[in-house]
Amino acid sequence: MPSFTAAQIQAMCQLMQRCGQTAQQMAAHEFQVYEKGKHDYVTDVDRALDRQLTAGLTRLFPADCIISEENPDSWSAFATPSDRQWFVDPLDGTDDFIHGRSHYAVMAGLLVRHQPVAGWIYAPVVNQLYYGGAEIGLFQATGMASAEPLLPVEPAHPSANFCPILLGYRDQKRFGSAIAHLIPAAQFSSIGSFGLKVLQVICGQAGLYLYLNRRVKLWDTTAPVALAQAAGLVCCDLNGEPLRFMSDGIDAQTLAHQQPIIIGWRSYVTALLPCLQQAVLECCPLPERRF
């Protein structure tokens, strides 16, 4: 049975765009910022979008489970048997939003029996929507224009002088020197949103995205991994094992992934995985050496 009707897909696109427009409107005015934890912030905008997205998803899919970053009371539902679970990140890249940068997104992704099957990622600043999954294909739309196929672009294979890698600031600080020593051609870059980073890989701006600090949660990954898999990318850990979206790979309290995350083109994953493993081993004390 298909996961979506055509009408539901269209309604999801409209919901994501409306939420993005809300973010843009609220960004033009003063908003409150709160500290949830160390280096972890939330704004009034996150919370408003959470309510808007959750209400919209509930109307469209009343039988589905909905879990949102900004509603901790919903997190326990992950452990409850459910064929369909939505994961909502109202603002992926909150730091960028707070500082007036453009690299943030509104995201919603669906797990069906603990596998990512579909995702929607909307970048409000550029008015760009990306959505799809293995079942429905990949699409992009700018503004109110009709959606067009999103065609994945594989970059040139890694070579002695070309190896674009997406690596976040914290991971660059801890692992960047070791990776650069083992992969001299590595060219690091990063933007705020997890989802937009994955889209950069899909669109050929980098060969892979490496995430090592085990802070990323299910609402960060479900939508972009659904798109990445539909694009033919490899989504694995440092052992080359598939990313797990069941309880054996997820922290029960925080819903954080317990695996390091690699999302990339097979040519990059195959060529770079041994060096990435070695770099992490060199940087991690023995108790932390778990791939």
C-alpha atoms as a PDB file:
ATOM      1  CA  MET A   1       0.000   0.000   0.000  1.00  0.00           C
ATOM      2  CA  PRO A   2       1.475   3.419  -0.926  1.00  0.00           C
ATOM      3  CA  SER A   3       2.539   5.627   1.987  1.00  0.00           C
ATOM      4  CA  PHE A   4       0.887   8.728   0.482  1.00  0.00           C
ATOM      5  CA  THR A   5      -1.799   9.853  -1.901  1.00  0.00           C
ATOM      6  CA  ALA A   6      -1.043  12.593  -4.421  1.00  0.00           C
ATOM      7  CA  ALA A   7      -3.312  14.925  -2.448  1.00  0.00           C
ATOM      8  CA  GLN A   8      -1.393  14.243   0.766  1.00  0.00           C
ATOM      9  CA  ILE A   9       1.929  14.954  -0.936  1.00  0.00           C
ATOM     10  CA  GLN A  10       0.635  18.276  -2.226  1.00  0.00           C
ATOM     11  CA  ALA A  11      -0.804  19.157   1.179  1.00  0.00           C
ATOM     12  CA  MET A  12       2.525  18.360   2.849  1.00  0.00           C
ATOM     13  CA  CYS A  13       4.340  20.671   0.455  1.00  0.00           C
ATOM     14  CA  GLN A  14       1.911  23.476   1.225  1.00  0.00           C
ATOM     15  CA  LEU A  15       2.232  22.890   4.975  1.00  0.00           C
ATOM     16  CA  MET A  16       6.033  23.080   4.845  1.00  0.00           C
ATOM     17  CA  GLN A  17       5.935  26.271   2.795  1.00  0.00           C
ATOM     18  CA  ARG A  18       3.449  27.903   5.165  1.00  0.00           C
ATOM     19  CA  CYS A  19       5.646  27.031   8.136  1.00  0.00           C
ATOM     20  CA  GLY A  20       8.690  28.448   6.382  1.00  0.00           C
ATOM     21  CA  GLN A  21       6.825  31.655   5.652  1.00  0.00           C
ATOM     22  CA  THR A  22       5.902  31.872   9.336  1.00  0.00           C
ATOM     23  CA  ALA A  23       9.596  31.565  10.215  1.00  0.00           C
ATOM     24  CA  GLN A  24      10.493  34.367   7.814  1.00  0.00           C
ATOM     25  CA  GLN A  25       7.780  36.642   9.178  1.00  0.00           C
ATOM     26  CA  MET A  26       8.769  36.011  12.793  1.00  0.00           C
ATOM     27  CA  ALA A  27      12.463  36.505  11.997  1.00  0.00           C
ATOM     28  CA  ALA A  28      11.676  40.077  10.982  1.00  0.00           C
ATOM     29  CA  HIS A  29      10.623  40.879  14.555  1.00  0.00           C
ATOM     30  CA  GLU A  30      12.202  40.439  17.961  1.00  0.00           C
ATOM     31  CA  PHE A  31      11.996  36.890  19.290  1.00  0.00           C
ATOM     32  CA  GLN A  32      13.074  35.196  22.500  1.00  0.00           C
ATOM     33  CA  VAL A  33      16.002  32.772  22.713  1.00  0.00           C
ATOM     34  CA  TYR A  34      16.219  30.160  25.474  1.00  0.00           C
ATOM     35  CA  GLU A  35      19.069  27.805  26.377  1.00  0.00           C
ATOM     36  CA  LYS A  36      17.974  24.159  26.490  1.00  0.00           C
ATOM     37  CA  GLY A  37      21.452  22.833  27.250  1.00  0.00           C
ATOM     38  CA  LYS A  38      25.107  23.433  26.488  1.00  0.00           C
ATOM     39  CA  HIS A  39      25.364  24.870  22.945  1.00  0.00           C
ATOM     40  CA  ASP A  40      21.677  24.037  22.447  1.00  0.00           C
ATOM     41  CA  TYR A  41      19.142  26.825  21.971  1.00  0.00           C
ATOM     42  CA  VAL A  42      15.465  27.202  21.158  1.00  0.00           C
ATOM     43  CA  THR A  43      13.433  30.252  20.167  1.00  0.00           C
ATOM     44  CA  ASP A  44       9.818  31.343  20.239  1.00  0.00           C
ATOM     45  CA  VAL A  45       9.879  30.654  16.507  1.00  0.00           C
ATOM     46  CA  ASP A  46      10.833  26.973  16.982  1.00  0.00           C
ATOM     47  CA  ARG A  47       7.918  26.562  19.355  1.00  0.00           C
ATOM     48  CA  ALA A  48       5.405  28.329  17.120  1.00  0.00           C
ATOM     49  CA  LEU A  49       6.454  26.237  14.125  1.00  0.00           C
ATOM     50  CA  ASP A  50       6.270  23.089  16.226  1.00  0.00           C
ATOM     51  CA  ARG A  51       2.619  23.808  16.993  1.00  0.00           C
ATOM     52  CA  GLN A  52       1.871  24.663  13.359  1.00  0.00           C
ATOM     53  CA  LEU A  53       3.597  21.582  11.940  1.00  0.00           C
ATOM     54  CA  THR A  54       2.185  19.178  14.506  1.00  0.00           C
ATOM     55  CA  ALA A  55      -1.352  20.450  13.976  1.00  0.00           C
ATOM     56  CA  GLY A  56      -0.992  20.178  10.204  1.00  0.00           C
ATOM     57  CA  LEU A  57       0.408  16.650  10.334  1.00  0.00           C
ATOM     58  CA  THR A  58      -2.321  15.574  12.741  1.00  0.00           C
ATOM     59  CA  ARG A  59      -4.989  16.791  10.319  1.00  0.00           C
ATOM     60  CA  LEU A  60      -3.356  15.039   7.364  1.00  0.00           C
ATOM     61  CA  PHE A  61      -2.401  11.787   9.107  1.00  0.00           C
ATOM     62  CA  PRO A  62      -4.620  11.398  12.190  1.00  0.00           C
ATOM     63  CA  ALA A  63      -3.584   7.781  12.794  1.00  0.00           C
ATOM     64  CA  ASP A  64       0.175   8.456  12.685  1.00  0.00           C
ATOM     65  CA  CYS A  65       2.534   9.027  15.596  1.00  0.00           C
ATOM     66  CA  ILE A  66       4.123  12.510  15.615  1.00  0.00           C
ATOM     67  CA  ILE A  67       7.356  13.193  17.520  1.00  0.00           C
ATOM     68  CA  SER A  68       8.777  16.708  17.622  1.00  0.00           C
ATOM     69  CA  GLU A  69      12.067  18.108  18.894  1.00  0.00           C
ATOM     70  CA  GLU A  70      10.285  20.892  20.741  1.00  0.00           C
ATOM     71  CA  ASN A  71       7.723  18.639  22.445  1.00  0.00           C
ATOM     72  CA  PRO A  72       9.669  16.365  24.824  1.00  0.00           C
ATOM     73  CA  ASP A  73       6.408  14.790  25.987  1.00  0.00           C
ATOM     74  CA  SER A  74       6.142  13.224  22.526  1.00  0.00           C
ATOM     75  CA  TRP A  75       9.535  11.504  22.657  1.00  0.00           C
ATOM     76  CA  SER A  76       8.399   8.492  24.669  1.00  0.00           C
ATOM     77  CA  ALA A  77       6.148   7.516  21.757  1.00  0.00           C
ATOM     78  CA  PHE A  78       9.255   6.267  19.924  1.00  0.00           C
ATOM     79  CA  ALA A  79       9.265   3.200  22.184  1.00  0.00           C
ATOM     80  CA  THR A  80       5.582   2.524  21.499  1.00  0.00           C
ATOM     81  CA  PRO A  81       4.899   0.082  18.651  1.00  0.00           C
ATOM     82  CA  SER A  82       3.764   2.094  15.640  1.00  0.00           C
ATOM     83  CA  ASP A  83       4.132   1.432  11.930  1.00  0.00           C
ATOM     84  CA  ARG A  84       4.299   5.131  11.027  1.00  0.00           C
ATOM     85  CA  GLN A  85       6.235   7.735  13.008  1.00  0.00           C
ATOM     86  CA  TRP A  86       6.782  11.328  11.920  1.00  0.00           C
ATOM     87  CA  PHE A  87       9.800  13.258  13.183  1.00  0.00           C
ATOM     88  CA  VAL A  88       9.546  17.033  13.131  1.00  0.00           C
ATOM     89  CA  ASP A  89      12.365  19.584  13.348  1.00  0.00           C
ATOM     90  CA  PRO A  90      10.699  23.009  13.213  1.00  0.00           C
ATOM     91  CA  LEU A  91      14.032  24.791  12.710  1.00  0.00           C
ATOM     92  CA  ASP A  92      16.991  22.669  11.682  1.00  0.00           C
ATOM     93  CA  GLY A  93      19.902  25.044  12.164  1.00  0.00           C
ATOM     94  CA  THR A  94      18.531  27.183  14.986  1.00  0.00           C
ATOM     95  CA  ASP A  95      21.932  28.827  15.583  1.00  0.00           C
ATOM     96  CA  ASP A  96      21.960  30.075  11.999  1.00  0.00           C
ATOM     97  CA  PHE A  97      18.422  31.383  12.401  1.00  0.00           C
ATOM     98  CA  ILE A  98      19.312  33.201  15.631  1.00  0.00           C
ATOM     99  CA  HIS A  99      22.318  34.899  14.024  1.00  0.00           C
ATOM    100  CA  GLY A 100      20.468  35.935  10.876  1.00  0.00           C
ATOM    101  CA  ARG A 101      22.198  33.464   8.580  1.00  0.00           C
ATOM    102  CA  SER A 102      20.390  31.690   5.776  1.00  0.00           C
ATOM    103  CA  HIS A 103      21.263  28.034   6.352  1.00  0.00           C
ATOM    104  CA  TYR A 104      18.282  26.812   8.336  1.00  0.00           C
ATOM    105  CA  ALA A 105      15.360  24.642   7.288  1.00  0.00           C
ATOM    106  CA  VAL A 106      11.968  23.306   8.318  1.00  0.00           C
ATOM    107  CA  MET A 107      11.956  19.493   8.236  1.00  0.00           C
ATOM    108  CA  ALA A 108       9.542  16.597   8.592  1.00  0.00           C
ATOM    109  CA  GLY A 109      10.340  12.959   7.898  1.00  0.00           C
ATOM    110  CA  LEU A 110       8.461   9.676   8.096  1.00  0.00           C
ATOM    111  CA  LEU A 111       9.661   6.320   9.397  1.00  0.00           C
ATOM    112  CA  VAL A 112       7.628   3.305   8.341  1.00  0.00           C
ATOM    113  CA  ARG A 113       8.508   0.274  10.448  1.00  0.00           C
ATOM    114  CA  HIS A 114      11.689   2.078  11.547  1.00  0.00           C
ATOM    115  CA  GLN A 115      12.908   2.882   8.034  1.00  0.00           C
ATOM    116  CA  PRO A 116      13.050   6.412   6.564  1.00  0.00           C
ATOM    117  CA  VAL A 117      10.660   6.459   3.619  1.00  0.00           C
ATOM    118  CA  ALA A 118       9.950  10.135   2.935  1.00  0.00           C
ATOM    119  CA  GLY A 119      11.112  13.588   3.876  1.00  0.00           C
ATOM    120  CA  TRP A 120      10.362  17.264   3.321  1.00  0.00           C
ATOM    121  CA  ILE A 121      13.021  19.965   3.736  1.00  0.00           C
ATOM    122  CA  TYR A 122      12.134  23.607   3.176  1.00  0.00           C
ATOM    123  CA  ALA A 123      14.749  26.384   3.159  1.00  0.00           C
ATOM    124  CA  PRO A 124      12.754  29.584   3.824  1.00  0.00           C
ATOM    125  CA  VAL A 125      15.418  32.169   2.952  1.00  0.00           C
ATOM    126  CA  VAL A 126      15.758  30.886  -0.616  1.00  0.00           C
ATOM    127  CA  ASN A 127      12.112  29.740  -0.794  1.00  0.00           C
ATOM    128  CA  GLN A 128      13.239  26.272  -1.859  1.00  0.00           C
ATOM    129  CA  LEU A 129      11.444  23.015  -1.059  1.00  0.00           C
ATOM    130  CA  TYR A 130      12.983  19.559  -1.423  1.00  0.00           C
ATOM    131  CA  TYR A 131      10.984  16.407  -0.849  1.00  0.00           C
ATOM    132  CA  GLY A 132      10.624  12.769  -1.754  1.00  0.00           C
ATOM    133  CA  GLY A 133      11.683   9.252  -0.928  1.00  0.00           C
ATOM    134  CA  ALA A 134      12.367   5.917  -2.563  1.00  0.00           C
ATOM    135  CA  GLU A 135       8.647   5.344  -3.172  1.00  0.00           C
ATOM    136  CA  ILE A 136       7.739   8.756  -4.607  1.00  0.00           C
ATOM    137  CA  GLY A 137      10.979  10.003  -6.177  1.00  0.00           C
ATOM    138  CA  LEU A 138      12.892  13.229  -5.535  1.00  0.00           C
ATOM    139  CA  PHE A 139      11.528  16.691  -6.244  1.00  0.00           C
ATOM    140  CA  GLN A 140      12.309  20.350  -5.742  1.00  0.00           C
ATOM    141  CA  ALA A 141      10.204  23.488  -6.050  1.00  0.00           C
ATOM    142  CA  THR A 142      11.020  27.177  -5.852  1.00  0.00           C
ATOM    143  CA  GLY A 143       8.318  29.426  -4.459  1.00  0.00           C
ATOM    144  CA  MET A 144       4.912  28.626  -5.898  1.00  0.00           C
ATOM    145  CA  ALA A 145       6.310  27.034  -9.063  1.00  0.00           C
ATOM    146  CA  SER A 146       5.392  23.457  -9.891  1.00  0.00           C
ATOM    147  CA  ALA A 147       7.694  20.800  -8.507  1.00  0.00           C
ATOM    148  CA  GLU A 148      10.393  19.438 -10.787  1.00  0.00           C
ATOM    149  CA  PRO A 149      12.495  16.289 -10.459  1.00  0.00           C
ATOM    150  CA  LEU A 150      15.569  16.716  -8.275  1.00  0.00           C
ATOM    151  CA  LEU A 151      18.401  15.034 -10.160  1.00  0.00           C
ATOM    152  CA  PRO A 152      21.272  13.830  -7.956  1.00  0.00           C
ATOM    153  CA  VAL A 153      24.742  14.893  -9.136  1.00  0.00           C
ATOM    154  CA  GLU A 154      27.765  12.782  -8.252  1.00  0.00           C
ATOM    155  CA  PRO A 155      30.932  14.904  -7.969  1.00  0.00           C
ATOM    156  CA  ALA A 156      34.217  13.866  -9.534  1.00  0.00           C
ATOM    157  CA  HIS A 157      35.740  10.932  -7.702  1.00  0.00           C
ATOM    158  CA  PRO A 158      38.194  11.770  -4.907  1.00  0.00           C
ATOM    159  CA  SER A 159      41.733  12.288  -6.148  1.00  0.00           C
ATOM    160  CA  ALA A 160      45.118  13.553  -4.987  1.00  0.00           C
ATOM    161  CA  ASN A 161      43.930  17.155  -5.246  1.00  0.00           C
ATOM    162  CA  PHE A 162      40.134  16.971  -4.975  1.00  0.00           C
ATOM    163  CA  CYS A 163      38.144  15.622  -2.043  1.00  0.00           C
ATOM    164  CA  PRO A 164      35.259  17.833  -0.811  1.00  0.00           C
ATOM    165  CA  ILE A 165      33.975  16.739   2.614  1.00  0.00           C
ATOM    166  CA  LEU A 166      31.266  18.285   4.780  1.00  0.00           C
ATOM    167  CA  LEU A 167      32.384  18.289   8.414  1.00  0.00           C
ATOM    168  CA  GLY A 168      30.759  20.337  11.181  1.00  0.00           C
ATOM    169  CA  TYR A 169      32.657  22.839  13.313  1.00  0.00           C
ATOM    170  CA  ARG A 170      32.905  20.640  16.428  1.00  0.00           C
ATOM    171  CA  ASP A 171      34.054  17.639  14.418  1.00  0.00           C
ATOM    172  CA  GLN A 172      36.566  19.766  12.499  1.00  0.00           C
ATOM    173  CA  LYS A 173      37.993  20.991  15.783  1.00  0.00           C
ATOM    174  CA  ARG A 174      38.418  17.471  17.152  1.00  0.00           C
ATOM    175  CA  PHE A 175      39.106  15.342  14.085  1.00  0.00           C
ATOM    176  CA  GLY A 176      39.970  17.739  11.254  1.00  0.00           C
ATOM    177  CA  SER A 177      43.763  17.660  11.623  1.00  0.00           C
ATOM    178  CA  ALA A 178      43.891  13.857  11.770  1.00  0.00           C
ATOM    179  CA  ILE A 179      41.614  13.517   8.746  1.00  0.00           C
ATOM    180  CA  ALA A 180      43.612  16.084   6.770  1.00  0.00           C
ATOM    181  CA  HIS A 181      46.848  14.250   7.617  1.00  0.00           C
ATOM    182  CA  LEU A 182      45.465  10.957   6.283  1.00  0.00           C
ATOM    183  CA  ILE A 183      43.531  12.556   3.392  1.00  0.00           C
ATOM    184  CA  PRO A 184      45.731  15.490   2.272  1.00  0.00           C
ATOM    185  CA  ALA A 185      43.298  16.497  -0.482  1.00  0.00           C
ATOM    186  CA  ALA A 186      40.404  16.867   1.982  1.00  0.00           C
ATOM    187  CA  GLN A 187      38.590  20.172   1.564  1.00  0.00           C
ATOM    188  CA  PHE A 188      36.315  20.828   4.542  1.00  0.00           C
ATOM    189  CA  SER A 189      33.188  22.963   4.481  1.00  0.00           C
ATOM    190  CA  SER A 190      30.072  23.261   6.605  1.00  0.00           C
ATOM    191  CA  ILE A 191      26.739  25.058   6.921  1.00  0.00           C
ATOM    192  CA  GLY A 192      24.261  25.087   9.790  1.00  0.00           C
ATOM    193  CA  SER A 193      21.434  22.713   8.911  1.00  0.00           C
ATOM    194  CA  PHE A 194      21.947  18.922   8.924  1.00  0.00           C
ATOM    195  CA  GLY A 195      19.321  18.563   6.219  1.00  0.00           C
ATOM    196  CA  LEU A 196      20.838  21.213   3.962  1.00  0.00           C
ATOM    197  CA  LYS A 197      24.262  19.572   4.327  1.00  0.00           C
ATOM    198  CA  VAL A 198      22.818  16.292   3.074  1.00  0.00           C
ATOM    199  CA  LEU A 199      21.239  18.135   0.153  1.00  0.00           C
ATOM    200  CA  GLN A 200      24.656  19.562  -0.732  1.00  0.00           C
ATOM    201  CA  VAL A 201      25.923  15.991  -1.061  1.00  0.00           C
ATOM    202  CA  ILE A 202      22.908  14.966  -3.148  1.00  0.00           C
ATOM    203  CA  CYS A 203      23.503  17.956  -5.443  1.00  0.00           C
ATOM    204  CA  GLY A 204      27.219  17.229  -5.878  1.00  0.00           C
ATOM    205  CA  GLN A 205      28.728  20.040  -3.807  1.00  0.00           C
ATOM    206  CA  ALA A 206      30.504  17.495  -1.600  1.00  0.00           C
ATOM    207  CA  GLY A 207      31.353  13.817  -1.813  1.00  0.00           C
ATOM    208  CA  LEU A 208      30.211  12.960   1.684  1.00  0.00           C
ATOM    209  CA  TYR A 209      29.009  14.367   4.987  1.00  0.00           C
ATOM    210  CA  LEU A 210      30.662  13.078   8.141  1.00  0.00           C
ATOM    211  CA  TYR A 211      29.036  13.519  11.572  1.00  0.00           C
ATOM    212  CA  LEU A 212      30.902  12.095  14.552  1.00  0.00           C
ATOM    213  CA  ASN A 213      29.779  13.670  17.824  1.00  0.00           C
ATOM    214  CA  ARG A 214      26.605  11.635  18.471  1.00  0.00           C
ATOM    215  CA  ARG A 215      24.421  14.661  19.218  1.00  0.00           C
ATOM    216  CA  VAL A 216      22.171  14.347  16.176  1.00  0.00           C
ATOM    217  CA  LYS A 217      18.612  13.168  16.817  1.00  0.00           C
ATOM    218  CA  LEU A 218      15.923  11.365  14.835  1.00  0.00           C
ATOM    219  CA  TRP A 219      14.204  14.628  13.868  1.00  0.00           C
ATOM    220  CA  ASP A 220      17.511  15.772  12.336  1.00  0.00           C
ATOM    221  CA  THR A 221      18.072  12.639  10.267  1.00  0.00           C
ATOM    222  CA  THR A 222      14.785  11.048   9.197  1.00  0.00           C
ATOM    223  CA  ALA A 223      13.878  13.470   6.400  1.00  0.00           C
ATOM    224  CA  PRO A 224      17.379  13.945   4.920  1.00  0.00           C
ATOM    225  CA  VAL A 225      18.265  10.242   5.090  1.00  0.00           C
ATOM    226  CA  ALA A 226      15.042   9.390   3.233  1.00  0.00           C
ATOM    227  CA  LEU A 227      16.100  11.791   0.475  1.00  0.00           C
ATOM    228  CA  ALA A 228      19.703  10.564   0.497  1.00  0.00           C
ATOM    229  CA  GLN A 229      18.690   6.925   0.132  1.00  0.00           C
ATOM    230  CA  ALA A 230      16.327   7.815  -2.700  1.00  0.00           C
ATOM    231  CA  ALA A 231      19.264   9.564  -4.389  1.00  0.00           C
ATOM    232  CA  GLY A 232      21.362   6.403  -4.151  1.00  0.00           C
ATOM    233  CA  LEU A 233      23.729   7.633  -1.449  1.00  0.00           C
ATOM    234  CA  VAL A 234      25.306   5.362   1.149  1.00  0.00           C
ATOM    235  CA  CYS A 235      24.083   6.061   4.700  1.00  0.00           C
ATOM    236  CA  CYS A 236      26.270   4.174   7.154  1.00  0.00           C
ATOM    237  CA  ASP A 237      28.521   4.321  10.215  1.00  0.00           C
ATOM    238  CA  LEU A 238      32.319   4.053  10.413  1.00  0.00           C
ATOM    239  CA  ASN A 239      32.086   0.265  10.137  1.00  0.00           C
ATOM    240  CA  GLY A 240      30.110   0.597   6.923  1.00  0.00           C
ATOM    241  CA  GLU A 241      26.993  -0.690   8.699  1.00  0.00           C
ATOM    242  CA  PRO A 242      23.622   0.853   7.763  1.00  0.00           C
ATOM    243  CA  LEU A 243      22.261   3.571  10.012  1.00  0.00           C
ATOM    244  CA  ARG A 244      19.800   2.142  12.515  1.00  0.00           C
ATOM    245  CA  PHE A 245      16.506   3.813  13.323  1.00  0.00           C
ATOM    246  CA  MET A 246      15.388   1.244  15.895  1.00  0.00           C
ATOM    247  CA  SER A 247      15.958   1.210  19.643  1.00  0.00           C
ATOM    248  CA  ASP A 248      19.268  -0.660  19.302  1.00  0.00           C
ATOM    249  CA  GLY A 249      20.799   2.375  17.596  1.00  0.00           C
ATOM    250  CA  ILE A 250      18.997   5.230  19.363  1.00  0.00           C
ATOM    251  CA  ASP A 251      19.358   6.633  22.885  1.00  0.00           C
ATOM    252  CA  ALA A 252      16.027   5.982  24.587  1.00  0.00           C
ATOM    253  CA  GLN A 253      16.002   9.278  26.500  1.00  0.00           C
ATOM    254  CA  THR A 254      17.293  11.791  23.959  1.00  0.00           C
ATOM    255  CA  LEU A 255      16.521   9.953  20.680  1.00  0.00           C
ATOM    256  CA  ALA A 256      20.121  10.646  19.613  1.00  0.00           C
ATOM    257  CA  HIS A 257      21.856   8.324  17.180  1.00  0.00           C
ATOM    258  CA  GLN A 258      24.502   6.150  18.832  1.00  0.00           C
ATOM    259  CA  GLN A 259      26.379   5.602  15.574  1.00  0.00           C
ATOM    260  CA  PRO A 260      28.741   7.996  13.846  1.00  0.00           C
ATOM    261  CA  ILE A 261      27.079   9.042  10.602  1.00  0.00           C
ATOM    262  CA  ILE A 262      28.402   9.002   7.051  1.00  0.00           C
ATOM    263  CA  ILE A 263      26.168  10.060   4.161  1.00  0.00           C
ATOM    264  CA  GLY A 264      27.897  10.070   0.816  1.00  0.00           C
ATOM    265  CA  TRP A 265      28.466   8.828  -2.666  1.00  0.00           C
ATOM    266  CA  ARG A 266      29.698   5.248  -2.807  1.00  0.00           C
ATOM    267  CA  SER A 267      32.930   6.250  -4.560  1.00  0.00           C
ATOM    268  CA  TYR A 268      33.786   8.517  -1.611  1.00  0.00           C
ATOM    269  CA  VAL A 269      32.687   6.132   1.128  1.00  0.00           C
ATOM    270  CA  THR A 270      34.658   3.249  -0.383  1.00  0.00           C
ATOM    271  CA  ALA A 271      37.804   5.324  -0.888  1.00  0.00           C
ATOM    272  CA  LEU A 272      37.783   7.245   2.397  1.00  0.00           C
ATOM    273  CA  LEU A 273      36.314   4.918   5.010  1.00  0.00           C
ATOM    274  CA  PRO A 274      39.631   3.292   6.116  1.00  0.00           C
ATOM    275  CA  CYS A 275      41.270   6.704   6.584  1.00  0.00           C
ATOM    276  CA  LEU A 276      38.268   8.062   8.463  1.00  0.00           C
ATOM    277  CA  GLN A 277      38.330   5.051  10.779  1.00  0.00           C
ATOM    278  CA  GLN A 278      42.032   5.594  11.468  1.00  0.00           C
ATOM    279  CA  ALA A 279      41.573   9.316  12.106  1.00  0.00           C
ATOM    280  CA  VAL A 280      38.890   8.665  14.713  1.00  0.00           C
ATOM    281  CA  LEU A 281      41.004   5.993  16.404  1.00  0.00           C
ATOM    282  CA  GLU A 282      43.910   8.428  16.665  1.00  0.00           C
ATOM    283  CA  CYS A 283      41.744  11.141  18.235  1.00  0.00           C
ATOM    284  CA  CYS A 284      39.592   9.131  20.649  1.00  0.00           C
ATOM    285  CA  PRO A 285      40.685   7.750  24.033  1.00  0.00           C
ATOM    286  CA  LEU A 286      40.166   4.002  24.335  1.00  0.00           C
ATOM    287  CA  PRO A 287      36.801   4.189  26.207  1.00  0.00           C
ATOM    288  CA  GLU A 288      35.345   6.300  23.385  1.00  0.00           C
ATOM    289  CA  ARG A 289      36.483   4.044  20.558  1.00  0.00           C
ATOM    290  CA  ARG A 290      33.142   2.712  19.417  1.00  0.00           C
ATOM    291  CA  PHE A 291      32.117   2.923  15.803  1.00  0.00           C
END
